[in-house]
C-alpha atoms as a PDB file:
ATOM      1  CA  UNK A   1     -20.160  14.524  -4.047  1.00  0.00           C
ATOM      2  CA  UNK A   2     -21.000  17.302  -6.277  1.00  0.00           C
ATOM      3  CA  UNK A   3     -22.381  20.590  -5.069  1.00  0.00           C
ATOM      4  CA  UNK A   4     -23.770  23.315  -7.331  1.00  0.00           C
ATOM      5  CA  UNK A   5     -22.587  26.668  -6.040  1.00  0.00           C
ATOM      6  CA  UNK A   6     -24.002  28.976  -8.689  1.00  0.00           C
ATOM      7  CA  UNK A   7     -26.074  30.892  -6.021  1.00  0.00           C
ATOM      8  CA  UNK A   8     -23.136  31.133  -3.782  1.00  0.00           C
ATOM      9  CA  UNK A   9     -21.008  32.493  -6.488  1.00  0.00           C
ATOM     10  CA  UNK A  10     -23.683  35.146  -6.772  1.00  0.00           C
ATOM     11  CA  UNK A  11     -23.681  35.807  -3.381  1.00  0.00           C
ATOM     12  CA  UNK A  12     -21.523  38.682  -1.471  1.00  0.00           C
ATOM     13  CA  UNK A  13     -18.308  37.813   0.019  1.00  0.00           C
ATOM     14  CA  UNK A  14     -18.443  36.097   3.508  1.00  0.00           C
ATOM     15  CA  UNK A  15     -21.721  34.147   2.484  1.00  0.00           C
ATOM     16  CA  UNK A  16     -21.544  30.714   3.916  1.00  0.00           C
ATOM     17  CA  UNK A  17     -23.397  27.482   3.246  1.00  0.00           C
ATOM     18  CA  UNK A  18     -23.360  24.203   5.280  1.00  0.00           C
ATOM     19  CA  UNK A  19     -24.121  20.750   4.041  1.00  0.00           C
ATOM     20  CA  UNK A  20     -24.515  17.290   5.764  1.00  0.00           C
ATOM     21  CA  UNK A  21     -22.570  14.721   3.843  1.00  0.00           C
ATOM     22  CA  UNK A  22     -23.282  11.072   3.704  1.00  0.00           C
ATOM     23  CA  UNK A  23     -22.154   9.730   0.663  1.00  0.00           C
ATOM     24  CA  UNK A  24     -20.660   5.965  -0.362  1.00  0.00           C
ATOM     25  CA  UNK A  25     -17.187   5.882  -1.698  1.00  0.00           C
ATOM     26  CA  UNK A  26     -16.243   2.322  -2.160  1.00  0.00           C
ATOM     27  CA  UNK A  27     -12.366   2.859  -2.081  1.00  0.00           C
ATOM     28  CA  UNK A  28      -9.945   5.766  -1.767  1.00  0.00           C
ATOM     29  CA  UNK A  29      -7.886   4.112  -4.253  1.00  0.00           C
ATOM     30  CA  UNK A  30      -7.247   0.783  -5.721  1.00  0.00           C
ATOM     31  CA  UNK A  31      -6.203  -0.669  -2.741  1.00  0.00           C
ATOM     32  CA  UNK A  32      -7.684   0.980   0.265  1.00  0.00           C
ATOM     33  CA  UNK A  33     -11.305  -0.111   0.929  1.00  0.00           C
ATOM     34  CA  UNK A  34     -13.955   1.936   2.913  1.00  0.00           C
ATOM     35  CA  UNK A  35     -16.251  -0.172   4.945  1.00  0.00           C
ATOM     36  CA  UNK A  36     -18.982   2.678   5.623  1.00  0.00           C
ATOM     37  CA  UNK A  37     -20.092   5.772   3.943  1.00  0.00           C
ATOM     38  CA  UNK A  38     -18.376   9.119   4.359  1.00  0.00           C
ATOM     39  CA  UNK A  39     -20.324  11.512   6.911  1.00  0.00           C
ATOM     40  CA  UNK A  40     -19.923  14.738   8.405  1.00  0.00           C
ATOM     41  CA  UNK A  41     -20.214  18.458   7.617  1.00  0.00           C
ATOM     42  CA  UNK A  42     -18.929  20.644   4.927  1.00  0.00           C
ATOM     43  CA  UNK A  43     -18.942  24.527   5.189  1.00  0.00           C
ATOM     44  CA  UNK A  44     -18.640  26.526   2.044  1.00  0.00           C
ATOM     45  CA  UNK A  45     -17.400  30.210   2.311  1.00  0.00           C
ATOM     46  CA  UNK A  46     -17.606  32.776  -0.589  1.00  0.00           C
ATOM     47  CA  UNK A  47     -14.454  34.757  -0.980  1.00  0.00           C
ATOM     48  CA  UNK A  48     -13.857  37.646  -3.513  1.00  0.00           C
ATOM     49  CA  UNK A  49     -12.000  34.907  -6.036  1.00  0.00           C
ATOM     50  CA  UNK A  50     -13.187  31.529  -4.901  1.00  0.00           C
ATOM     51  CA  UNK A  51     -15.282  29.276  -2.638  1.00  0.00           C
ATOM     52  CA  UNK A  52     -13.261  28.017   0.674  1.00  0.00           C
ATOM     53  CA  UNK A  53     -14.535  24.375   1.425  1.00  0.00           C
ATOM     54  CA  UNK A  54     -13.953  23.408   5.212  1.00  0.00           C
ATOM     55  CA  UNK A  55     -14.637  19.618   5.548  1.00  0.00           C
ATOM     56  CA  UNK A  56     -14.922  17.781   8.813  1.00  0.00           C
ATOM     57  CA  UNK A  57     -15.737  14.092   7.574  1.00  0.00           C
ATOM     58  CA  UNK A  58     -15.336  10.678   8.974  1.00  0.00           C
ATOM     59  CA  UNK A  59     -15.426   7.061   7.733  1.00  0.00           C
ATOM     60  CA  UNK A  60     -14.004   3.604   8.218  1.00  0.00           C
ATOM     61  CA  UNK A  61     -11.418   1.793   6.554  1.00  0.00           C
ATOM     62  CA  UNK A  62     -10.201  -1.816   6.310  1.00  0.00           C
ATOM     63  CA  UNK A  63      -6.554  -1.912   7.200  1.00  0.00           C
ATOM     64  CA  UNK A  64      -3.723  -4.619   7.506  1.00  0.00           C
ATOM     65  CA  UNK A  65      -2.055  -4.612  10.918  1.00  0.00           C
ATOM     66  CA  UNK A  66       1.694  -4.007  10.272  1.00  0.00           C
ATOM     67  CA  UNK A  67       2.689  -6.140  13.254  1.00  0.00           C
ATOM     68  CA  UNK A  68       0.347  -9.256  13.052  1.00  0.00           C
ATOM     69  CA  UNK A  69      -0.939  -8.761   9.318  1.00  0.00           C
ATOM     70  CA  UNK A  70      -4.392  -9.238  10.597  1.00  0.00           C
ATOM     71  CA  UNK A  71      -7.014  -7.058   8.611  1.00  0.00           C
ATOM     72  CA  UNK A  72      -8.996  -4.996  10.832  1.00  0.00           C
ATOM     73  CA  UNK A  73     -11.575  -1.989  10.564  1.00  0.00           C
ATOM     74  CA  UNK A  74     -10.526   1.395  11.878  1.00  0.00           C
ATOM     75  CA  UNK A  75     -12.046   4.811  11.929  1.00  0.00           C
ATOM     76  CA  UNK A  76     -10.815   7.386   9.617  1.00  0.00           C
ATOM     77  CA  UNK A  77     -11.177  11.240  10.236  1.00  0.00           C
ATOM     78  CA  UNK A  78     -11.043  13.192   7.158  1.00  0.00           C
ATOM     79  CA  UNK A  79     -10.325  16.965   7.659  1.00  0.00           C
ATOM     80  CA  UNK A  80      -9.486  19.523   5.229  1.00  0.00           C
ATOM     81  CA  UNK A  81      -9.911  23.255   4.070  1.00  0.00           C
ATOM     82  CA  UNK A  82      -9.305  23.929   0.418  1.00  0.00           C
ATOM     83  CA  UNK A  83      -9.941  26.575  -2.135  1.00  0.00           C
ATOM     84  CA  UNK A  84     -12.206  25.996  -5.143  1.00  0.00           C
ATOM     85  CA  UNK A  85     -11.382  28.576  -8.033  1.00  0.00           C
ATOM     86  CA  UNK A  86     -14.430  28.883 -10.841  1.00  0.00           C
ATOM     87  CA  UNK A  87     -13.284  28.278 -14.217  1.00  0.00           C
ATOM     88  CA  UNK A  88     -16.451  30.295 -15.657  1.00  0.00           C
ATOM     89  CA  UNK A  89     -17.420  33.657 -14.582  1.00  0.00           C
ATOM     90  CA  UNK A  90     -21.050  33.476 -13.016  1.00  0.00           C
ATOM     91  CA  UNK A  91     -22.319  36.766 -14.248  1.00  0.00           C
ATOM     92  CA  UNK A  92     -20.800  37.112 -17.820  1.00  0.00           C
ATOM     93  CA  UNK A  93     -20.493  33.078 -18.643  1.00  0.00           C
ATOM     94  CA  UNK A  94     -16.867  33.515 -20.101  1.00  0.00           C
ATOM     95  CA  UNK A  95     -14.168  31.625 -19.136  1.00  0.00           C
ATOM     96  CA  UNK A  96     -12.443  33.035 -15.946  1.00  0.00           C
ATOM     97  CA  UNK A  97      -8.866  33.666 -15.397  1.00  0.00           C
ATOM     98  CA  UNK A  98      -7.738  30.665 -13.243  1.00  0.00           C
ATOM     99  CA  UNK A  99      -4.363  31.263 -11.202  1.00  0.00           C
ATOM    100  CA  UNK A 100      -1.492  28.875 -12.141  1.00  0.00           C
ATOM    101  CA  UNK A 101      -1.697  27.425  -8.689  1.00  0.00           C
ATOM    102  CA  UNK A 102      -1.395  23.561  -9.287  1.00  0.00           C
ATOM    103  CA  UNK A 103      -2.742  22.906  -5.781  1.00  0.00           C
ATOM    104  CA  UNK A 104      -6.200  24.492  -6.545  1.00  0.00           C
ATOM    105  CA  UNK A 105      -9.393  22.611  -7.102  1.00  0.00           C
ATOM    106  CA  UNK A 106     -11.614  23.994  -9.776  1.00  0.00           C
ATOM    107  CA  UNK A 107     -15.310  24.717 -10.111  1.00  0.00           C
ATOM    108  CA  UNK A 108     -16.601  23.433 -13.348  1.00  0.00           C
ATOM    109  CA  UNK A 109     -18.393  25.267 -16.264  1.00  0.00           C
ATOM    110  CA  UNK A 110     -21.731  24.162 -14.630  1.00  0.00           C
ATOM    111  CA  UNK A 111     -20.700  25.815 -11.336  1.00  0.00           C
ATOM    112  CA  UNK A 112     -20.496  22.591  -9.542  1.00  0.00           C
ATOM    113  CA  UNK A 113     -17.439  21.573  -7.212  1.00  0.00           C
ATOM    114  CA  UNK A 114     -16.645  17.851  -6.630  1.00  0.00           C
ATOM    115  CA  UNK A 115     -15.651  17.169  -3.139  1.00  0.00           C
ATOM    116  CA  UNK A 116     -14.487  13.626  -3.962  1.00  0.00           C
ATOM    117  CA  UNK A 117     -10.998  14.161  -5.279  1.00  0.00           C
ATOM    118  CA  UNK A 118     -10.169  15.982  -2.042  1.00  0.00           C
ATOM    119  CA  UNK A 119     -11.893  13.325  -0.001  1.00  0.00           C
ATOM    120  CA  UNK A 120      -9.669  10.840  -1.371  1.00  0.00           C
ATOM    121  CA  UNK A 121      -6.519  12.877  -1.222  1.00  0.00           C
ATOM    122  CA  UNK A 122      -6.908  13.646   2.397  1.00  0.00           C
ATOM    123  CA  UNK A 123      -8.405  10.371   3.166  1.00  0.00           C
ATOM    124  CA  UNK A 124      -4.912   8.876   2.050  1.00  0.00           C
ATOM    125  CA  UNK A 125      -2.993  11.274   3.782  1.00  0.00           C
ATOM    126  CA  UNK A 126      -5.109  10.486   7.192  1.00  0.00           C
ATOM    127  CA  UNK A 127      -4.034   7.009   6.954  1.00  0.00           C
ATOM    128  CA  UNK A 128      -1.689   5.691   9.650  1.00  0.00           C
ATOM    129  CA  UNK A 129       1.940   5.105   8.367  1.00  0.00           C
ATOM    130  CA  UNK A 130       1.862   1.626  10.407  1.00  0.00           C
ATOM    131  CA  UNK A 131      -1.778   0.560  11.139  1.00  0.00           C
ATOM    132  CA  UNK A 132      -2.021  -1.361  14.339  1.00  0.00           C
ATOM    133  CA  UNK A 133      -5.066  -3.669  15.368  1.00  0.00           C
ATOM    134  CA  UNK A 134      -4.414  -2.586  18.832  1.00  0.00           C
ATOM    135  CA  UNK A 135      -1.581  -0.880  20.845  1.00  0.00           C
ATOM    136  CA  UNK A 136      -1.034  -4.149  22.612  1.00  0.00           C
ATOM    137  CA  UNK A 137      -0.692  -6.141  19.394  1.00  0.00           C
ATOM    138  CA  UNK A 138       1.924  -8.989  19.947  1.00  0.00           C
ATOM    139  CA  UNK A 139       2.904  -9.270  16.334  1.00  0.00           C
ATOM    140  CA  UNK A 140       4.313 -12.407  14.748  1.00  0.00           C
ATOM    141  CA  UNK A 141       7.086 -14.500  16.226  1.00  0.00           C
ATOM    142  CA  UNK A 142      10.234 -14.012  14.062  1.00  0.00           C
ATOM    143  CA  UNK A 143      11.123 -17.529  14.250  1.00  0.00           C
ATOM    144  CA  UNK A 144       7.902 -19.533  13.543  1.00  0.00           C
ATOM    145  CA  UNK A 145       5.749 -16.880  12.334  1.00  0.00           C
ATOM    146  CA  UNK A 146       3.036 -17.577  14.747  1.00  0.00           C
ATOM    147  CA  UNK A 147       0.511 -14.895  15.698  1.00  0.00           C
ATOM    148  CA  UNK A 148       1.204 -13.924  19.208  1.00  0.00           C
ATOM    149  CA  UNK A 149      -2.232 -12.488  19.571  1.00  0.00           C
ATOM    150  CA  UNK A 150      -3.874 -15.856  18.996  1.00  0.00           C
ATOM    151  CA  UNK A 151      -1.349 -18.231  20.722  1.00  0.00           C
ATOM    152  CA  UNK A 152       2.039 -18.205  22.471  1.00  0.00           C
ATOM    153  CA  UNK A 153       4.919 -20.124  20.830  1.00  0.00           C
ATOM    154  CA  UNK A 154       7.850 -22.070  22.339  1.00  0.00           C
ATOM    155  CA  UNK A 155      10.571 -20.238  20.194  1.00  0.00           C
ATOM    156  CA  UNK A 156      13.676 -18.708  22.197  1.00  0.00           C
ATOM    157  CA  UNK A 157      14.314 -15.467  20.574  1.00  0.00           C
ATOM    158  CA  UNK A 158      17.473 -13.874  21.435  1.00  0.00           C
ATOM    159  CA  UNK A 159      18.203 -10.258  20.875  1.00  0.00           C
ATOM    160  CA  UNK A 160      20.660  -9.763  17.982  1.00  0.00           C
ATOM    161  CA  UNK A 161      23.109  -7.003  18.003  1.00  0.00           C
ATOM    162  CA  UNK A 162      23.908  -6.529  14.515  1.00  0.00           C
ATOM    163  CA  UNK A 163      26.942  -4.328  15.074  1.00  0.00           C
ATOM    164  CA  UNK A 164      28.953  -7.419  16.100  1.00  0.00           C
ATOM    165  CA  UNK A 165      27.511  -9.817  13.347  1.00  0.00           C
ATOM    166  CA  UNK A 166      30.861  -9.939  11.521  1.00  0.00           C
ATOM    167  CA  UNK A 167      32.753 -11.092  14.994  1.00  0.00           C
ATOM    168  CA  UNK A 168      30.076 -13.758  15.378  1.00  0.00           C
ATOM    169  CA  UNK A 169      30.525 -14.971  11.827  1.00  0.00           C
ATOM    170  CA  UNK A 170      34.418 -15.092  12.575  1.00  0.00           C
ATOM    171  CA  UNK A 171      33.686 -17.078  15.829  1.00  0.00           C
ATOM    172  CA  UNK A 172      31.383 -19.489  13.855  1.00  0.00           C
ATOM    173  CA  UNK A 173      34.018 -20.146  11.107  1.00  0.00           C
ATOM    174  CA  UNK A 174      36.704 -20.615  13.963  1.00  0.00           C
ATOM    175  CA  UNK A 175      34.517 -23.412  15.479  1.00  0.00           C
ATOM    176  CA  UNK A 176      33.555 -25.089  12.362  1.00  0.00           C
ATOM    177  CA  UNK A 177      37.381 -25.461  11.369  1.00  0.00           C
ATOM    178  CA  UNK A 178      38.395 -26.695  14.902  1.00  0.00           C
ATOM    179  CA  UNK A 179      40.681 -23.738  15.592  1.00  0.00           C
END
């Protein structure tokens, strides 16, 4: 997802360009697989020192449910607003003074900005911490491991209060010794 911004860098401050994006990225990283292309709009705004990119994108991702461990596909909105700083002055062709801001993205010497690193970073940030296949997901039985979304099990699950585990162990040892 590389966009040549040479003409925009020559334009007056405040000039904008808008692009429709429909690009295929197979994965966000080595574990997170995308199931459809990244689509949406990207707006570029020329400032006095850089280009600000405002992206509103969506895709779908294959995730594993944190309750039942089933694999499912979920929509993933990717939103970001980032500054891209040129490494080469568009007028003189000389190396531009790049600020020491480690968070800034760069426009390369061919006056191209690459959206893919930002899409990958913000896509990973947009992932849910605990993905759920549905809000009604029953999860797995803690005794037998049955997927409670597919069938009911006959296990009797008693709530455990871990604060009294030491006392429960003492009672169990007394019963074993017949005291």
